[in-house]
N, C-alpha and C. Protein backbone atom coordinates (compact mmCIF):
# COMPACT_ATOMS: atom_id res chain seq x y z
N MET A 1 101.76 -171.84 64.00
CA MET A 1 100.17 -172.54 64.63
C MET A 1 100.42 -171.37 65.38
N VAL A 2 98.74 -170.70 66.15
CA VAL A 2 98.45 -170.07 66.50
C VAL A 2 98.42 -170.29 68.17
N SER A 3 99.36 -169.59 68.79
CA SER A 3 99.03 -170.16 70.81
C SER A 3 97.70 -169.91 71.11
N LYS A 4 96.80 -171.06 71.50
CA LYS A 4 95.72 -170.70 72.26
C LYS A 4 95.46 -169.37 73.09
N ALA A 5 96.65 -169.03 73.48
CA ALA A 5 96.23 -167.58 74.11
C ALA A 5 95.96 -166.67 72.72
N LYS A 6 96.23 -166.64 72.13
CA LYS A 6 95.66 -165.89 70.95
C LYS A 6 95.06 -165.94 70.36
N ARG A 7 93.76 -166.92 70.49
CA ARG A 7 92.55 -167.56 69.66
C ARG A 7 91.71 -166.63 70.17
N VAL A 8 90.43 -166.24 69.76
CA VAL A 8 89.15 -165.19 70.32
C VAL A 8 88.41 -166.33 69.97
N ILE A 9 87.52 -165.64 71.40
CA ILE A 9 86.13 -167.44 71.79
C ILE A 9 84.67 -166.55 70.41
N THR A 10 84.20 -166.67 69.97
CA THR A 10 83.43 -166.34 69.21
C THR A 10 82.28 -167.45 69.75
N SER A 11 81.02 -166.96 69.34
CA SER A 11 79.65 -167.65 69.52
C SER A 11 78.89 -167.19 67.74
N VAL A 12 78.24 -168.28 67.82
CA VAL A 12 78.00 -168.62 66.04
C VAL A 12 76.63 -169.67 66.22
N LYS A 13 75.79 -168.79 65.47
CA LYS A 13 74.49 -169.60 65.09
C LYS A 13 74.31 -170.48 64.24
N ILE A 14 74.20 -171.27 63.99
CA ILE A 14 73.75 -172.21 62.76
C ILE A 14 72.31 -173.01 63.13
N PRO A 15 71.68 -173.29 61.53
CA PRO A 15 71.42 -174.18 61.89
C PRO A 15 71.13 -175.61 62.40
N GLN A 16 70.45 -176.16 62.43
CA GLN A 16 70.82 -177.51 63.43
C GLN A 16 71.30 -178.49 62.49
N THR A 17 70.03 -178.47 61.49
CA THR A 17 70.60 -179.86 60.25
C THR A 17 71.86 -179.19 59.85
N LEU A 18 72.49 -178.21 59.99
CA LEU A 18 73.69 -177.92 59.24
C LEU A 18 74.57 -178.51 60.26
N TYR A 19 74.12 -178.16 61.54
CA TYR A 19 75.57 -179.03 62.35
C TYR A 19 75.13 -180.36 61.56
N GLU A 20 74.44 -180.54 62.34
CA GLU A 20 74.12 -182.29 62.60
C GLU A 20 74.96 -182.81 60.97
N ASP A 21 74.28 -182.22 59.90
CA ASP A 21 74.95 -183.13 58.61
C ASP A 21 76.50 -182.86 58.86
N PHE A 22 76.53 -181.54 59.22
CA PHE A 22 78.45 -181.15 59.41
C PHE A 22 79.26 -182.11 60.30
N LYS A 23 78.31 -182.73 61.50
CA LYS A 23 79.30 -183.38 62.23
C LYS A 23 79.48 -185.07 61.29
N VAL A 24 78.50 -184.97 61.15
CA VAL A 24 78.89 -186.05 60.46
C VAL A 24 79.44 -187.17 59.54
N THR A 25 79.93 -185.54 58.48
CA THR A 25 80.76 -185.32 57.35
C THR A 25 82.27 -185.50 57.89
N SER A 26 82.31 -184.65 58.86
CA SER A 26 83.80 -184.01 59.86
C SER A 26 84.29 -185.60 60.50
N VAL A 27 83.63 -186.44 60.28
CA VAL A 27 84.18 -187.40 62.00
C VAL A 27 84.75 -188.62 60.44
N LYS A 28 83.53 -188.55 59.22
CA LYS A 28 84.36 -189.33 58.34
C LYS A 28 86.05 -188.89 57.69
N THR A 29 86.21 -187.16 57.77
CA THR A 29 86.70 -187.27 57.09
C THR A 29 88.15 -186.72 58.42
N LYS A 30 87.58 -185.84 59.39
CA LYS A 30 89.15 -185.76 60.59
C LYS A 30 88.73 -184.70 60.24
N MET A 31 88.14 -183.26 60.13
CA MET A 31 88.39 -182.48 59.97
C MET A 31 87.33 -181.61 60.65
N SER A 32 87.92 -180.77 61.80
CA SER A 32 87.37 -179.92 62.80
C SER A 32 86.22 -178.71 61.94
N LEU A 33 85.43 -177.78 63.43
CA LEU A 33 84.95 -177.26 62.93
C LEU A 33 85.50 -175.66 62.90
N GLN A 34 86.35 -176.27 63.84
CA GLN A 34 88.06 -175.38 64.18
C GLN A 34 88.33 -175.21 63.03
N ASP A 35 88.96 -176.62 61.98
CA ASP A 35 89.78 -176.03 61.48
C ASP A 35 89.19 -175.71 59.23
N ILE A 36 87.94 -175.75 60.07
CA ILE A 36 86.87 -175.54 58.69
C ILE A 36 86.42 -174.05 58.37
N VAL A 37 86.88 -173.41 60.14
CA VAL A 37 86.23 -172.04 60.27
C VAL A 37 87.69 -171.25 60.04
N GLU A 38 88.70 -172.04 60.72
CA GLU A 38 90.14 -171.18 60.14
C GLU A 38 90.10 -170.80 58.50
N ARG A 39 90.30 -172.70 58.29
CA ARG A 39 90.70 -172.83 56.86
C ARG A 39 89.63 -171.66 55.97
N ALA A 40 88.13 -171.34 56.09
CA ALA A 40 87.34 -170.66 55.89
C ALA A 40 87.56 -169.25 55.38
N MET A 41 87.79 -168.45 56.38
CA MET A 41 88.34 -167.45 57.19
C MET A 41 89.48 -166.79 56.27
N PHE A 42 90.20 -168.05 56.50
CA PHE A 42 91.70 -167.17 55.50
C PHE A 42 92.09 -167.65 54.42
N MET A 43 90.50 -168.21 53.18
CA MET A 43 90.34 -168.26 52.01
C MET A 43 89.65 -167.38 51.54
N TYR A 44 88.89 -166.51 52.54
CA TYR A 44 88.27 -165.68 51.62
C TYR A 44 88.94 -164.22 52.16
N LEU A 45 89.80 -164.30 53.01
CA LEU A 45 90.59 -162.90 52.34
C LEU A 45 91.61 -163.40 52.41
N THR A 46 92.40 -164.09 51.48
CA THR A 46 93.17 -164.19 50.86
C THR A 46 93.00 -164.51 49.43
N ASP A 47 91.49 -165.42 48.90
CA ASP A 47 90.69 -165.94 47.43
C ASP A 47 90.09 -164.97 47.45
N SER A 48 90.62 -164.05 45.90
CA SER A 48 89.25 -163.09 46.12
C SER A 48 88.09 -163.58 45.34
N SER A 49 88.75 -164.80 44.21
CA SER A 49 87.37 -166.23 43.84
C SER A 49 86.78 -166.81 44.80
N PHE A 50 87.15 -167.00 46.08
CA PHE A 50 86.45 -167.72 46.92
C PHE A 50 85.51 -166.98 47.46
N ARG A 51 86.14 -165.39 47.86
CA ARG A 51 85.46 -164.90 48.36
C ARG A 51 84.08 -164.52 47.83
N GLN A 52 84.35 -164.01 46.52
CA GLN A 52 83.13 -164.03 45.11
C GLN A 52 82.11 -164.78 45.37
N SER A 53 82.63 -166.02 45.60
CA SER A 53 81.43 -167.49 45.50
C SER A 53 80.77 -167.36 46.81
N VAL A 54 81.39 -166.86 47.63
CA VAL A 54 80.69 -167.23 48.91
C VAL A 54 79.44 -165.81 49.24
N HIS A 55 79.90 -164.20 48.43
CA HIS A 55 78.83 -163.82 48.35
C HIS A 55 77.70 -164.77 47.43
N GLU A 56 78.22 -164.87 46.73
CA GLU A 56 77.04 -164.90 45.51
C GLU A 56 76.05 -166.32 45.55
N GLN A 57 76.52 -167.04 46.98
CA GLN A 57 75.96 -168.48 47.80
C GLN A 57 74.91 -167.47 47.87
N TYR A 58 73.73 -167.78 47.35
CA TYR A 58 72.36 -167.34 48.64
C TYR A 58 71.36 -168.41 48.43
N ASN A 59 71.67 -169.74 47.65
CA ASN A 59 70.49 -170.61 47.85
C ASN A 59 71.23 -171.97 48.32
N THR A 60 70.97 -171.94 49.84
CA THR A 60 71.64 -172.84 51.14
C THR A 60 70.22 -173.72 51.57
N TYR A 61 69.71 -174.60 50.83
CA TYR A 61 68.96 -175.79 51.68
C TYR A 61 68.24 -175.48 53.29
N TYR A 62 69.46 -175.03 53.87
CA TYR A 62 69.83 -175.28 55.45
C TYR A 62 69.14 -174.36 55.85
N THR A 63 69.09 -173.11 55.46
CA THR A 63 68.49 -172.36 55.34
C THR A 63 67.57 -171.51 55.05
N GLY A 64 66.64 -172.66 54.53
CA GLY A 64 65.62 -171.79 53.53
C GLY A 64 65.34 -170.84 52.49
N SER A 65 66.66 -170.60 52.39
CA SER A 65 66.98 -169.21 51.57
C SER A 65 66.48 -169.43 50.13
N THR A 66 66.12 -170.28 49.73
CA THR A 66 66.10 -170.66 48.29
C THR A 66 64.90 -169.89 48.03
N LEU A 67 63.95 -169.41 48.45
CA LEU A 67 63.54 -167.99 47.71
C LEU A 67 64.33 -166.73 47.44
N ILE A 68 65.44 -167.27 47.95
CA ILE A 68 66.02 -165.17 47.31
C ILE A 68 66.23 -166.04 45.45
N ASP A 69 66.62 -167.36 45.69
CA ASP A 69 66.50 -167.53 43.98
C ASP A 69 66.09 -167.11 43.11
N ALA A 70 64.46 -167.30 43.53
CA ALA A 70 63.09 -166.80 42.80
C ALA A 70 63.40 -165.48 42.64
N ILE A 71 63.36 -164.18 43.30
CA ILE A 71 63.19 -162.74 43.33
C ILE A 71 64.50 -162.48 42.45
N LYS A 72 65.86 -163.04 42.19
CA LYS A 72 66.40 -162.90 40.87
C LYS A 72 65.80 -162.81 39.78
């Protein structure tokens, strides 16, 4: 476990509907945003198939980027 003194404070802007849906799910699963971010960053750095999957995920309902798939 990393001590609080060794953590970096960041700011990220995400779509409101994405965050609202996450809050509902996080209450059900008891998974915090901090937990998700730390695990996702770890997997991104250590798992090449996860990293590739993230890079290939263009179609996201929350950001309205479904138009990108039509261009491909």
